[in-house]
Amino acid sequence: MFGVRGCLLALALVLAPQLAAAQAEPHRFAWVRGPGAEGCADAAAITSSVSARLGQNPFSPSAPRIIEGLTLARERGFAAHILVREGEGSLVGARLLESEAERCDSLDAAVVLAIVLLIDPEGTARARPPLLPRPPPPPPPPEPPRYHGVAAARALISGGLLPSPSLGLALGLSGVIGDRWAWTLELRFHPELRSTDGGDFAFGLTAGGPGACARFEPWSWLQAEGCGAMLAGALHAVVFRPAPTAPGERPWIAAAGAVRARAYLLPALSIELGAELLVPLLRQRFFVEGRDSTIFQQGPVLPGASLGLAVHFL
């Protein structure tokens, strides 16, 4: 078994005469690493080292002659197979370099020297050009700030919450809990709306409460969330005529579910569109004494929609 130096000498003696006539010509180059040899030099590293030794890049993808090789891991050390072929595929020469070292450093250096001798037997006598340090990679672009909180003002429209479809206003505040979850707090107000019944009545609502949301960002310009909340407040009843028996406020509690989508207008500003369902847990019934009909009672499920602006903050 030849050592690394012995193989190099034999390789130079055997192949250099055959390649001397073509030493000025460029060569194609291919190199692969087998399993377990991932720590050895790859094709790019070998190309760089050979070019530095020769003072120029001797490799060209259109060259007629090819140098190819393979680095393999052995039970003890590593081995490198080097083949030189003509363009039509005929083998000019082949050699094996071996090293019993635990690392590939010595074998990599021997491979580079062998390839230099194959391309230009006189190349090692030339003065080596200074190796300039590689410029450091450019710093990665700064990541855009990640906003953790949302404050939103929403215009609401609800069906069945008051005697007829009603407009309202909501203010919401939320903050993240982990990557996808967020807490939320909402306050909403629906101004008094007169009943369509023959009597002169009006109803309004003020409520608020906490909730939780699952938040997603399928695209950089879009944020979506699904939320559940518990709302509590008061349903206002105003009687203009006839004389009221028990006017004023009635307690109101509801479970709420909503889905919202936000499209960014600016990095910290988005327009918001949402849909919701309210399920009243207390359904107050309003009636006039002496009448069988009910003046107003909320339905079991109340649909609604919202449109708003959201400000995102850190």
C-alpha atoms as a PDB file:
ATOM      1  CA  MET A   1       0.000   0.000   0.000  1.00  0.00           C
ATOM      2  CA  PHE A   2       1.437   3.334  -1.032  1.00  0.00           C
ATOM      3  CA  GLY A   3       1.334   6.252   1.349  1.00  0.00           C
ATOM      4  CA  VAL A   4      -0.005   9.621   0.274  1.00  0.00           C
ATOM      5  CA  ARG A   5       3.433  10.975  -0.714  1.00  0.00           C
ATOM      6  CA  GLY A   6       4.382   7.818  -2.575  1.00  0.00           C
ATOM      7  CA  CYS A   7       1.142   7.887  -4.547  1.00  0.00           C
ATOM      8  CA  LEU A   8       1.686  11.517  -5.452  1.00  0.00           C
ATOM      9  CA  LEU A   9       5.175  10.813  -6.745  1.00  0.00           C
ATOM     10  CA  ALA A  10       3.995   7.829  -8.767  1.00  0.00           C
ATOM     11  CA  LEU A  11       1.075   9.806 -10.120  1.00  0.00           C
ATOM     12  CA  ALA A  12       3.352  12.628 -11.261  1.00  0.00           C
ATOM     13  CA  LEU A  13       5.843  10.224 -12.910  1.00  0.00           C
ATOM     14  CA  VAL A  14       3.187   8.183 -14.706  1.00  0.00           C
ATOM     15  CA  LEU A  15       0.713  10.824 -15.818  1.00  0.00           C
ATOM     16  CA  ALA A  16       2.806  13.949 -16.282  1.00  0.00           C
ATOM     17  CA  PRO A  17       4.393  12.830 -19.581  1.00  0.00           C
ATOM     18  CA  GLN A  18       0.986  11.961 -20.990  1.00  0.00           C
ATOM     19  CA  LEU A  19      -0.464  15.322 -19.984  1.00  0.00           C
ATOM     20  CA  ALA A  20       2.506  17.569 -20.732  1.00  0.00           C
ATOM     21  CA  ALA A  21       1.314  18.352 -24.222  1.00  0.00           C
ATOM     22  CA  ALA A  22      -2.038  19.467 -22.909  1.00  0.00           C
ATOM     23  CA  GLN A  23      -0.931  21.177 -19.707  1.00  0.00           C
ATOM     24  CA  ALA A  24      -1.889  24.605 -20.991  1.00  0.00           C
ATOM     25  CA  GLU A  25      -5.377  23.452 -21.877  1.00  0.00           C
ATOM     26  CA  PRO A  26      -8.266  23.789 -19.433  1.00  0.00           C
ATOM     27  CA  HIS A  27      -9.888  20.734 -17.910  1.00  0.00           C
ATOM     28  CA  ARG A  28     -13.339  19.856 -16.795  1.00  0.00           C
ATOM     29  CA  PHE A  29     -13.632  18.903 -13.158  1.00  0.00           C
ATOM     30  CA  ALA A  30     -16.035  16.745 -11.139  1.00  0.00           C
ATOM     31  CA  TRP A  31     -15.695  15.564  -7.560  1.00  0.00           C
ATOM     32  CA  VAL A  32     -18.046  13.805  -5.143  1.00  0.00           C
ATOM     33  CA  ARG A  33     -17.877  12.635  -1.548  1.00  0.00           C
ATOM     34  CA  GLY A  34     -19.159   9.300  -0.368  1.00  0.00           C
ATOM     35  CA  PRO A  35     -21.028   8.548   2.884  1.00  0.00           C
ATOM     36  CA  GLY A  36     -18.913   9.374   5.913  1.00  0.00           C
ATOM     37  CA  ALA A  37     -16.647  11.742   3.958  1.00  0.00           C
ATOM     38  CA  GLU A  38     -18.832  14.813   4.300  1.00  0.00           C
ATOM     39  CA  GLY A  39     -16.072  16.547   6.276  1.00  0.00           C
ATOM     40  CA  CYS A  40     -13.600  16.272   3.375  1.00  0.00           C
ATOM     41  CA  ALA A  41     -13.136  18.982   0.762  1.00  0.00           C
ATOM     42  CA  ASP A  42     -15.891  19.256  -1.812  1.00  0.00           C
ATOM     43  CA  ALA A  43     -15.596  20.243  -5.469  1.00  0.00           C
ATOM     44  CA  ALA A  44     -15.824  23.969  -4.744  1.00  0.00           C
ATOM     45  CA  ALA A  45     -13.077  23.847  -2.101  1.00  0.00           C
ATOM     46  CA  ILE A  46     -10.758  21.794  -4.321  1.00  0.00           C
ATOM     47  CA  THR A  47     -11.361  24.124  -7.274  1.00  0.00           C
ATOM     48  CA  SER A  48     -10.533  27.148  -5.126  1.00  0.00           C
ATOM     49  CA  SER A  49      -7.324  25.590  -3.753  1.00  0.00           C
ATOM     50  CA  VAL A  50      -6.089  24.391  -7.161  1.00  0.00           C
ATOM     51  CA  SER A  51      -6.785  27.809  -8.714  1.00  0.00           C
ATOM     52  CA  ALA A  52      -4.841  29.487  -5.912  1.00  0.00           C
ATOM     53  CA  ARG A  53      -1.847  27.176  -6.461  1.00  0.00           C
ATOM     54  CA  LEU A  54      -1.815  27.782 -10.236  1.00  0.00           C
ATOM     55  CA  GLY A  55      -2.670  31.467 -10.109  1.00  0.00           C
ATOM     56  CA  GLN A  56      -5.699  30.984 -12.346  1.00  0.00           C
ATOM     57  CA  ASN A  57      -8.789  28.808 -12.652  1.00  0.00           C
ATOM     58  CA  PRO A  58      -7.771  25.885 -14.881  1.00  0.00           C
ATOM     59  CA  PHE A  59     -11.278  24.419 -15.137  1.00  0.00           C
ATOM     60  CA  SER A  60     -13.855  24.955 -17.875  1.00  0.00           C
ATOM     61  CA  PRO A  61     -17.150  23.100 -18.452  1.00  0.00           C
ATOM     62  CA  SER A  62     -16.422  22.958 -22.194  1.00  0.00           C
ATOM     63  CA  ALA A  63     -12.886  21.516 -21.950  1.00  0.00           C
ATOM     64  CA  PRO A  64     -12.288  18.203 -23.796  1.00  0.00           C
ATOM     65  CA  ARG A  65     -10.391  16.502 -20.965  1.00  0.00           C
ATOM     66  CA  ILE A  66     -11.918  15.823 -17.541  1.00  0.00           C
ATOM     67  CA  ILE A  67     -10.471  15.204 -14.096  1.00  0.00           C
ATOM     68  CA  GLU A  68     -12.910  13.460 -11.812  1.00  0.00           C
ATOM     69  CA  GLY A  69     -12.645  11.984  -8.370  1.00  0.00           C
ATOM     70  CA  LEU A  70     -14.287  10.480  -5.353  1.00  0.00           C
ATOM     71  CA  THR A  71     -13.500  10.716  -1.635  1.00  0.00           C
ATOM     72  CA  LEU A  72     -14.516   7.707   0.471  1.00  0.00           C
ATOM     73  CA  ALA A  73     -14.430   6.952   4.175  1.00  0.00           C
ATOM     74  CA  ARG A  74     -12.549   3.789   5.154  1.00  0.00           C
ATOM     75  CA  GLU A  75     -12.592   1.795   8.365  1.00  0.00           C
ATOM     76  CA  ARG A  76      -9.369   3.647   9.205  1.00  0.00           C
ATOM     77  CA  GLY A  77      -8.971   6.978   7.491  1.00  0.00           C
ATOM     78  CA  PHE A  78     -10.006   8.038   4.009  1.00  0.00           C
ATOM     79  CA  ALA A  79      -9.199   7.355   0.363  1.00  0.00           C
ATOM     80  CA  ALA A  80      -9.423   9.483  -2.784  1.00  0.00           C
ATOM     81  CA  HIS A  81      -9.749   8.054  -6.315  1.00  0.00           C
ATOM     82  CA  ILE A  82      -8.559  10.339  -9.153  1.00  0.00           C
ATOM     83  CA  LEU A  83      -9.372   9.587 -12.802  1.00  0.00           C
ATOM     84  CA  VAL A  84      -8.302  11.460 -15.950  1.00  0.00           C
ATOM     85  CA  ARG A  85     -10.362  10.894 -19.089  1.00  0.00           C
ATOM     86  CA  GLU A  86     -10.383  12.177 -22.627  1.00  0.00           C
ATOM     87  CA  GLY A  87     -13.502  13.804 -23.996  1.00  0.00           C
ATOM     88  CA  GLU A  88     -14.729  10.580 -25.619  1.00  0.00           C
ATOM     89  CA  GLY A  89     -14.459   8.787 -22.241  1.00  0.00           C
ATOM     90  CA  SER A  90     -11.174   6.874 -22.650  1.00  0.00           C
ATOM     91  CA  LEU A  91      -9.188   6.587 -19.439  1.00  0.00           C
ATOM     92  CA  VAL A  92      -5.799   8.331 -19.442  1.00  0.00           C
ATOM     93  CA  GLY A  93      -4.807   7.470 -15.903  1.00  0.00           C
ATOM     94  CA  ALA A  94      -6.087   6.555 -12.447  1.00  0.00           C
ATOM     95  CA  ARG A  95      -4.572   6.708  -9.016  1.00  0.00           C
ATOM     96  CA  LEU A  96      -5.551   6.085  -5.434  1.00  0.00           C
ATOM     97  CA  LEU A  97      -4.521   8.312  -2.512  1.00  0.00           C
ATOM     98  CA  GLU A  98      -4.984   7.008   1.034  1.00  0.00           C
ATOM     99  CA  SER A  99      -4.655   8.404   4.520  1.00  0.00           C
ATOM    100  CA  GLU A 100      -5.162   6.771   7.905  1.00  0.00           C
ATOM    101  CA  ALA A 101      -5.618  10.098   9.670  1.00  0.00           C
ATOM    102  CA  GLU A 102      -8.864  10.725  11.526  1.00  0.00           C
ATOM    103  CA  ARG A 103      -9.415  13.960   9.593  1.00  0.00           C
ATOM    104  CA  CYS A 104      -9.287  14.725   5.883  1.00  0.00           C
ATOM    105  CA  ASP A 105      -6.822  17.632   6.053  1.00  0.00           C
ATOM    106  CA  SER A 106      -3.755  15.719   4.861  1.00  0.00           C
ATOM    107  CA  LEU A 107      -5.683  13.847   2.173  1.00  0.00           C
ATOM    108  CA  ASP A 108      -7.300  17.069   0.909  1.00  0.00           C
ATOM    109  CA  ALA A 109      -3.874  18.704   0.592  1.00  0.00           C
ATOM    110  CA  ALA A 110      -2.568  15.650  -1.290  1.00  0.00           C
ATOM    111  CA  VAL A 111      -5.565  15.714  -3.669  1.00  0.00           C
ATOM    112  CA  VAL A 112      -4.974  19.406  -4.462  1.00  0.00           C
ATOM    113  CA  LEU A 113      -1.260  18.809  -5.116  1.00  0.00           C
ATOM    114  CA  ALA A 114      -1.990  15.783  -7.316  1.00  0.00           C
ATOM    115  CA  ILE A 115      -4.468  17.724  -9.445  1.00  0.00           C
ATOM    116  CA  VAL A 116      -2.021  20.629  -9.782  1.00  0.00           C
ATOM    117  CA  LEU A 117       0.666  18.188 -11.008  1.00  0.00           C
ATOM    118  CA  LEU A 118      -1.768  16.666 -13.480  1.00  0.00           C
ATOM    119  CA  ILE A 119      -2.687  20.016 -14.993  1.00  0.00           C
ATOM    120  CA  ASP A 120       0.762  21.612 -14.928  1.00  0.00           C
ATOM    121  CA  PRO A 121       3.765  19.594 -13.682  1.00  0.00           C
ATOM    122  CA  GLU A 122       5.733  22.860 -13.435  1.00  0.00           C
ATOM    123  CA  GLY A 123       3.021  24.581 -11.450  1.00  0.00           C
ATOM    124  CA  THR A 124       4.333  23.736  -7.985  1.00  0.00           C
ATOM    125  CA  ALA A 125       7.625  25.545  -8.719  1.00  0.00           C
ATOM    126  CA  ARG A 126       5.856  28.846  -9.233  1.00  0.00           C
ATOM    127  CA  ALA A 127       5.504  31.272  -6.415  1.00  0.00           C
ATOM    128  CA  ARG A 128       2.156  30.917  -4.745  1.00  0.00           C
ATOM    129  CA  PRO A 129      -0.013  33.998  -5.001  1.00  0.00           C
ATOM    130  CA  PRO A 130      -1.086  35.390  -1.659  1.00  0.00           C
ATOM    131  CA  LEU A 131      -4.411  34.046  -0.534  1.00  0.00           C
ATOM    132  CA  LEU A 132      -6.684  36.951   0.179  1.00  0.00           C
ATOM    133  CA  PRO A 133      -9.219  36.385   2.933  1.00  0.00           C
ATOM    134  CA  ARG A 134     -12.721  35.933   1.732  1.00  0.00           C
ATOM    135  CA  PRO A 135     -14.851  39.006   2.316  1.00  0.00           C
ATOM    136  CA  PRO A 136     -17.346  38.501   5.097  1.00  0.00           C
ATOM    137  CA  PRO A 137     -20.881  37.762   3.904  1.00  0.00           C
ATOM    138  CA  PRO A 138     -23.176  40.760   3.872  1.00  0.00           C
ATOM    139  CA  PRO A 139     -25.261  41.084   6.993  1.00  0.00           C
ATOM    140  CA  PRO A 140     -28.784  39.731   6.658  1.00  0.00           C
ATOM    141  CA  PRO A 141     -31.446  42.357   6.085  1.00  0.00           C
ATOM    142  CA  PRO A 142     -33.120  43.446   9.296  1.00  0.00           C
ATOM    143  CA  GLU A 143     -36.328  41.627  10.026  1.00  0.00           C
ATOM    144  CA  PRO A 144     -39.432  43.778  10.076  1.00  0.00           C
ATOM    145  CA  PRO A 145     -40.705  44.424  13.593  1.00  0.00           C
ATOM    146  CA  ARG A 146     -43.214  41.914  14.857  1.00  0.00           C
ATOM    147  CA  TYR A 147     -46.239  43.583  16.339  1.00  0.00           C
ATOM    148  CA  HIS A 148     -47.688  41.832  19.369  1.00  0.00           C
ATOM    149  CA  GLY A 149     -50.733  43.995  20.103  1.00  0.00           C
ATOM    150  CA  VAL A 150     -53.758  45.221  18.182  1.00  0.00           C
ATOM    151  CA  ALA A 151     -56.095  48.082  19.004  1.00  0.00           C
ATOM    152  CA  ALA A 152     -59.168  48.275  16.775  1.00  0.00           C
ATOM    153  CA  ALA A 153     -62.193  50.517  16.279  1.00  0.00           C
ATOM    154  CA  ARG A 154     -65.083  48.733  14.579  1.00  0.00           C
ATOM    155  CA  ALA A 155     -68.403  49.760  13.077  1.00  0.00           C
ATOM    156  CA  LEU A 156     -70.961  47.028  13.829  1.00  0.00           C
ATOM    157  CA  ILE A 157     -74.196  45.927  12.239  1.00  0.00           C
ATOM    158  CA  SER A 158     -76.272  43.351  14.102  1.00  0.00           C
ATOM    159  CA  GLY A 159     -79.487  41.521  13.367  1.00  0.00           C
ATOM    160  CA  GLY A 160     -81.880  40.690  16.198  1.00  0.00           C
ATOM    161  CA  LEU A 161     -79.844  42.414  18.880  1.00  0.00           C
ATOM    162  CA  LEU A 162     -82.365  45.299  18.908  1.00  0.00           C
ATOM    163  CA  PRO A 163     -85.866  45.452  17.397  1.00  0.00           C
ATOM    164  CA  SER A 164     -84.459  45.994  13.910  1.00  0.00           C
ATOM    165  CA  PRO A 165     -80.992  45.698  12.332  1.00  0.00           C
ATOM    166  CA  SER A 166     -78.860  48.098  14.338  1.00  0.00           C
ATOM    167  CA  LEU A 167     -75.563  49.911  13.973  1.00  0.00           C
ATOM    168  CA  GLY A 168     -73.074  50.045  16.791  1.00  0.00           C
ATOM    169  CA  LEU A 169     -69.501  50.836  17.742  1.00  0.00           C
ATOM    170  CA  ALA A 170     -66.914  48.531  19.298  1.00  0.00           C
ATOM    171  CA  LEU A 171     -63.423  49.123  20.678  1.00  0.00           C
ATOM    172  CA  GLY A 172     -61.116  46.128  20.930  1.00  0.00           C
ATOM    173  CA  LEU A 173     -57.693  45.494  22.422  1.00  0.00           C
ATOM    174  CA  SER A 174     -55.656  42.293  22.112  1.00  0.00           C
ATOM    175  CA  GLY A 175     -52.159  40.954  22.747  1.00  0.00           C
ATOM    176  CA  VAL A 176     -50.357  37.736  21.853  1.00  0.00           C
ATOM    177  CA  ILE A 177     -49.913  34.694  24.089  1.00  0.00           C
ATOM    178  CA  GLY A 178     -47.259  32.596  22.348  1.00  0.00           C
ATOM    179  CA  ASP A 179     -47.000  32.261  18.586  1.00  0.00           C
ATOM    180  CA  ARG A 180     -50.661  31.854  17.626  1.00  0.00           C
ATOM    181  CA  TRP A 181     -52.826  32.688  20.618  1.00  0.00           C
ATOM    182  CA  ALA A 182     -53.970  36.097  21.791  1.00  0.00           C
ATOM    183  CA  TRP A 183     -56.124  37.532  24.559  1.00  0.00           C
ATOM    184  CA  THR A 184     -58.764  40.080  23.675  1.00  0.00           C
ATOM    185  CA  LEU A 185     -60.975  42.611  25.427  1.00  0.00           C
ATOM    186  CA  GLU A 186     -63.923  44.325  23.731  1.00  0.00           C
ATOM    187  CA  LEU A 187     -66.374  47.082  24.642  1.00  0.00           C
ATOM    188  CA  ARG A 188     -69.415  47.664  22.420  1.00  0.00           C
ATOM    189  CA  PHE A 189     -72.254  50.152  22.337  1.00  0.00           C
ATOM    190  CA  HIS A 190     -75.496  50.091  20.341  1.00  0.00           C
ATOM    191  CA  PRO A 191     -77.475  53.329  20.624  1.00  0.00           C
ATOM    192  CA  GLU A 192     -81.168  53.173  21.441  1.00  0.00           C
ATOM    193  CA  LEU A 193     -83.372  52.103  18.566  1.00  0.00           C
ATOM    194  CA  ARG A 194     -87.141  52.614  18.570  1.00  0.00           C
ATOM    195  CA  SER A 195     -89.392  49.595  18.363  1.00  0.00           C
ATOM    196  CA  THR A 196     -91.497  49.006  15.255  1.00  0.00           C
ATOM    197  CA  ASP A 197     -94.445  48.083  17.497  1.00  0.00           C
ATOM    198  CA  GLY A 198     -97.408  50.421  17.807  1.00  0.00           C
ATOM    199  CA  GLY A 199     -96.212  51.624  21.225  1.00  0.00           C
ATOM    200  CA  ASP A 200     -93.439  54.139  21.596  1.00  0.00           C
ATOM    201  CA  PHE A 201     -90.463  52.155  22.903  1.00  0.00           C
ATOM    202  CA  ALA A 202     -86.689  52.176  22.373  1.00  0.00           C
ATOM    203  CA  PHE A 203     -83.945  49.681  23.163  1.00  0.00           C
ATOM    204  CA  GLY A 204     -80.176  49.981  23.332  1.00  0.00           C
ATOM    205  CA  LEU A 205     -77.229  47.870  24.505  1.00  0.00           C
ATOM    206  CA  THR A 206     -73.893  48.397  26.251  1.00  0.00           C
ATOM    207  CA  ALA A 207     -71.665  45.363  26.878  1.00  0.00           C
ATOM    208  CA  GLY A 208     -68.106  44.165  27.012  1.00  0.00           C
ATOM    209  CA  GLY A 209     -65.916  41.302  28.067  1.00  0.00           C
ATOM    210  CA  PRO A 210     -62.768  39.207  27.622  1.00  0.00           C
ATOM    211  CA  GLY A 211     -62.003  36.491  25.123  1.00  0.00           C
ATOM    212  CA  ALA A 212     -59.285  34.492  23.373  1.00  0.00           C
ATOM    213  CA  CYS A 213     -58.236  34.292  19.709  1.00  0.00           C
ATOM    214  CA  ALA A 214     -56.275  31.953  17.469  1.00  0.00           C
ATOM    215  CA  ARG A 215     -54.285  34.164  15.101  1.00  0.00           C
ATOM    216  CA  PHE A 216     -52.713  33.279  11.729  1.00  0.00           C
ATOM    217  CA  GLU A 217     -50.741  35.129   9.052  1.00  0.00           C
ATOM    218  CA  PRO A 218     -51.108  33.111   5.806  1.00  0.00           C
ATOM    219  CA  TRP A 219     -49.419  35.916   3.839  1.00  0.00           C
ATOM    220  CA  SER A 220     -47.218  38.834   4.870  1.00  0.00           C
ATOM    221  CA  TRP A 221     -50.002  41.305   4.054  1.00  0.00           C
ATOM    222  CA  LEU A 222     -52.862  39.438   5.743  1.00  0.00           C
ATOM    223  CA  GLN A 223     -53.694  38.509   9.325  1.00  0.00           C
ATOM    224  CA  ALA A 224     -56.652  36.301  10.227  1.00  0.00           C
ATOM    225  CA  GLU A 225     -58.079  35.304  13.586  1.00  0.00           C
ATOM    226  CA  GLY A 226     -60.920  33.344  15.102  1.00  0.00           C
ATOM    227  CA  CYS A 227     -62.136  34.496  18.521  1.00  0.00           C
ATOM    228  CA  GLY A 228     -64.466  33.416  21.293  1.00  0.00           C
ATOM    229  CA  ALA A 229     -65.611  35.730  24.097  1.00  0.00           C
ATOM    230  CA  MET A 230     -68.085  36.203  26.929  1.00  0.00           C
ATOM    231  CA  LEU A 231     -69.939  39.521  26.917  1.00  0.00           C
ATOM    232  CA  ALA A 232     -71.880  41.018  29.779  1.00  0.00           C
ATOM    233  CA  GLY A 233     -73.714  44.328  30.051  1.00  0.00           C
ATOM    234  CA  ALA A 234     -77.123  45.897  30.058  1.00  0.00           C
ATOM    235  CA  LEU A 235     -80.037  46.041  27.658  1.00  0.00           C
ATOM    236  CA  HIS A 236     -81.619  49.508  27.916  1.00  0.00           C
ATOM    237  CA  ALA A 237     -85.390  49.830  27.699  1.00  0.00           C
ATOM    238  CA  VAL A 238     -86.970  53.255  27.247  1.00  0.00           C
ATOM    239  CA  VAL A 239     -90.753  53.728  27.240  1.00  0.00           C
ATOM    240  CA  PHE A 240     -92.099  57.000  25.910  1.00  0.00           C
ATOM    241  CA  ARG A 241     -95.806  56.042  26.152  1.00  0.00           C
ATOM    242  CA  PRO A 242     -97.894  54.626  27.714  1.00  0.00           C
ATOM    243  CA  ALA A 243     -96.651  55.021  31.276  1.00  0.00           C
ATOM    244  CA  PRO A 244     -93.874  52.459  31.992  1.00  0.00           C
ATOM    245  CA  THR A 245     -94.186  49.874  34.758  1.00  0.00           C
ATOM    246  CA  ALA A 246     -90.467  49.006  35.079  1.00  0.00           C
ATOM    247  CA  PRO A 247     -88.310  51.026  32.686  1.00  0.00           C
ATOM    248  CA  GLY A 248     -84.528  51.025  32.766  1.00  0.00           C
ATOM    249  CA  GLU A 249     -81.819  48.449  32.264  1.00  0.00           C
ATOM    250  CA  ARG A 250     -81.910  44.680  32.168  1.00  0.00           C
ATOM    251  CA  PRO A 251     -78.839  42.468  32.610  1.00  0.00           C
ATOM    252  CA  TRP A 252     -77.541  40.929  29.410  1.00  0.00           C
ATOM    253  CA  ILE A 253     -75.048  38.064  28.957  1.00  0.00           C
ATOM    254  CA  ALA A 254     -74.017  36.398  25.710  1.00  0.00           C
ATOM    255  CA  ALA A 255     -71.409  34.078  24.242  1.00  0.00           C
ATOM    256  CA  ALA A 256     -69.741  35.500  21.141  1.00  0.00           C
ATOM    257  CA  GLY A 257     -67.793  33.952  18.282  1.00  0.00           C
ATOM    258  CA  ALA A 258     -66.107  35.986  15.551  1.00  0.00           C
ATOM    259  CA  VAL A 259     -63.765  35.607  12.597  1.00  0.00           C
ATOM    260  CA  ARG A 260     -61.785  38.559  11.278  1.00  0.00           C
ATOM    261  CA  ALA A 261     -59.345  39.275   8.479  1.00  0.00           C
ATOM    262  CA  ARG A 262     -56.955  42.232   8.460  1.00  0.00           C
ATOM    263  CA  ALA A 263     -55.206  43.514   5.337  1.00  0.00           C
ATOM    264  CA  TYR A 264     -52.216  45.758   6.013  1.00  0.00           C
ATOM    265  CA  LEU A 265     -52.406  49.277   4.587  1.00  0.00           C
ATOM    266  CA  LEU A 266     -49.150  50.273   6.344  1.00  0.00           C
ATOM    267  CA  PRO A 267     -46.739  48.215   8.481  1.00  0.00           C
ATOM    268  CA  ALA A 268     -48.679  49.194  11.632  1.00  0.00           C
ATOM    269  CA  LEU A 269     -52.136  49.905  10.182  1.00  0.00           C
ATOM    270  CA  SER A 270     -54.672  47.514   8.695  1.00  0.00           C
ATOM    271  CA  ILE A 271     -58.281  47.492   7.549  1.00  0.00           C
ATOM    272  CA  GLU A 272     -60.419  44.842   9.218  1.00  0.00           C
ATOM    273  CA  LEU A 273     -63.477  42.877   8.083  1.00  0.00           C
ATOM    274  CA  GLY A 274     -65.290  40.452  10.366  1.00  0.00           C
ATOM    275  CA  ALA A 275     -68.380  38.340  10.967  1.00  0.00           C
ATOM    276  CA  GLU A 276     -69.829  37.262  14.319  1.00  0.00           C
ATOM    277  CA  LEU A 277     -72.547  35.256  16.032  1.00  0.00           C
ATOM    278  CA  LEU A 278     -73.968  36.175  19.448  1.00  0.00           C
ATOM    279  CA  VAL A 279     -75.832  33.662  21.594  1.00  0.00           C
ATOM    280  CA  PRO A 280     -77.757  35.490  24.375  1.00  0.00           C
ATOM    281  CA  LEU A 281     -77.756  33.563  27.632  1.00  0.00           C
ATOM    282  CA  LEU A 282     -80.392  35.924  29.095  1.00  0.00           C
ATOM    283  CA  ARG A 283     -83.240  36.652  26.683  1.00  0.00           C
ATOM    284  CA  GLN A 284     -85.312  39.384  28.253  1.00  0.00           C
ATOM    285  CA  ARG A 285     -88.958  39.608  27.128  1.00  0.00           C
ATOM    286  CA  PHE A 286     -90.626  42.998  26.833  1.00  0.00           C
ATOM    287  CA  PHE A 287     -94.422  43.308  26.635  1.00  0.00           C
ATOM    288  CA  VAL A 288     -97.251  45.747  27.348  1.00  0.00           C
ATOM    289  CA  GLU A 289     -99.793  44.936  30.049  1.00  0.00           C
ATOM    290  CA  GLY A 290    -103.097  43.996  28.550  1.00  0.00           C
ATOM    291  CA  ARG A 291    -101.549  42.723  25.306  1.00  0.00           C
ATOM    292  CA  ASP A 292    -100.733  39.182  24.416  1.00  0.00           C
ATOM    293  CA  SER A 293     -98.011  40.071  21.930  1.00  0.00           C
ATOM    294  CA  THR A 294     -94.367  40.585  22.862  1.00  0.00           C
ATOM    295  CA  ILE A 295     -92.967  44.033  22.095  1.00  0.00           C
ATOM    296  CA  PHE A 296     -89.367  42.760  21.804  1.00  0.00           C
ATOM    297  CA  GLN A 297     -87.276  39.701  22.612  1.00  0.00           C
ATOM    298  CA  GLN A 298     -83.882  38.830  21.206  1.00  0.00           C
ATOM    299  CA  GLY A 299     -83.552  35.710  19.103  1.00  0.00           C
ATOM    300  CA  PRO A 300     -81.501  32.661  20.156  1.00  0.00           C
ATOM    301  CA  VAL A 301     -78.689  33.403  17.684  1.00  0.00           C
ATOM    302  CA  LEU A 302     -77.810  36.930  16.539  1.00  0.00           C
ATOM    303  CA  PRO A 303     -75.677  37.372  13.402  1.00  0.00           C
ATOM    304  CA  GLY A 304     -73.534  40.424  12.812  1.00  0.00           C
ATOM    305  CA  ALA A 305     -70.684  41.913  10.818  1.00  0.00           C
ATOM    306  CA  SER A 306     -67.991  44.515  11.432  1.00  0.00           C
ATOM    307  CA  LEU A 307     -65.711  46.846   9.519  1.00  0.00           C
ATOM    308  CA  GLY A 308     -62.893  48.685  11.190  1.00  0.00           C
ATOM    309  CA  LEU A 309     -59.353  49.975  11.378  1.00  0.00           C
ATOM    310  CA  ALA A 310     -56.674  48.281  13.481  1.00  0.00           C
ATOM    311  CA  VAL A 311     -53.442  49.765  14.818  1.00  0.00           C
ATOM    312  CA  HIS A 312     -50.641  47.254  15.476  1.00  0.00           C
ATOM    313  CA  PHE A 313     -48.110  47.980  18.216  1.00  0.00           C
ATOM    314  CA  LEU A 314     -45.078  46.240  19.702  1.00  0.00           C
END
